[in-house]
Amino acid sequence: MQLTLKEKSIFMIIQNRPNIQSGEIAEKLAIPAPTVKRIFSQLFNKGLIEKQGSGRNVSYTIV
């Protein structure tokens, strides 16, 4: 499966730090939070990550 550079970067961060939140990833990669959330959605739709929690407590882990 082909992943973009940003998708790969985010996937690797989630892999190394399960249950990380989008704001933390946005800070680590210095990219806007909405961009991180869009990429989360793409990775989720590809079946690579799963979402846990709801609202402000959402975190992501590798499937």
Protein backbone atom coordinates (compact mmCIF):
# COMPACT_ATOMS: atom_id res chain seq x y z
CA MET A 1 0.00 0.00 0.00
CA GLN A 2 1.35 3.38 -0.99
CA LEU A 3 1.58 6.03 1.71
CA THR A 4 2.56 9.67 1.33
CA LEU A 5 5.56 10.98 3.24
CA LYS A 6 3.29 12.64 5.82
CA GLU A 7 1.19 9.48 6.19
CA LYS A 8 4.36 7.45 6.77
CA SER A 9 5.64 9.95 9.32
CA ILE A 10 2.39 9.95 11.27
CA PHE A 11 2.05 6.17 11.06
CA MET A 12 5.56 5.73 12.47
CA ILE A 13 4.87 8.13 15.33
CA ILE A 14 1.67 6.23 16.22
CA GLN A 15 3.56 2.94 15.97
CA ASN A 16 6.22 4.17 18.39
CA ARG A 17 3.80 5.92 20.71
CA PRO A 18 0.36 4.25 20.80
CA ASN A 19 -2.60 6.33 22.00
CA ILE A 20 -0.98 9.59 20.95
CA GLN A 21 -3.33 12.49 20.26
CA SER A 22 -3.42 14.59 17.10
CA GLY A 23 -2.20 17.76 18.83
CA GLU A 24 0.98 16.04 19.95
CA ILE A 25 1.70 14.83 16.43
CA ALA A 26 1.00 18.28 14.99
CA GLU A 27 3.59 19.72 17.39
CA LYS A 28 6.19 17.01 16.65
CA LEU A 29 5.89 17.44 12.87
CA ALA A 30 5.20 21.20 12.91
CA ILE A 31 2.11 20.83 10.72
CA PRO A 32 -1.40 22.19 11.35
CA ALA A 33 -3.73 20.07 13.49
CA PRO A 34 -6.42 19.97 10.75
CA THR A 35 -3.84 18.43 8.39
CA VAL A 36 -3.00 15.77 10.98
CA LYS A 37 -6.70 14.98 11.44
CA ARG A 38 -7.19 14.67 7.67
CA ILE A 39 -4.26 12.25 7.47
CA PHE A 40 -5.65 10.29 10.45
CA SER A 41 -8.87 9.94 8.48
CA GLN A 42 -6.96 8.65 5.44
CA LEU A 43 -5.01 6.12 7.53
CA PHE A 44 -8.23 5.05 9.26
CA ASN A 45 -9.97 4.53 5.90
CA LYS A 46 -7.01 2.43 4.71
CA GLY A 47 -7.46 0.22 7.77
CA LEU A 48 -4.05 1.04 9.24
CA ILE A 49 -5.08 2.75 12.47
CA GLU A 50 -8.02 2.68 14.82
CA LYS A 51 -9.62 5.45 16.80
CA GLN A 52 -10.14 5.19 20.55
CA GLY A 53 -12.20 7.46 22.76
CA SER A 54 -14.33 10.40 21.72
CA GLY A 55 -14.33 14.18 21.72
CA ARG A 56 -11.16 15.72 23.13
CA ASN A 57 -10.02 12.31 24.39
CA VAL A 58 -9.61 10.69 20.97
CA SER A 59 -6.35 8.85 20.42
CA TYR A 60 -5.11 6.53 17.70
CA THR A 61 -3.32 3.18 17.63
CA ILE A 62 -2.04 0.82 14.94
CA VAL A 63 -4.45 -1.95 13.95
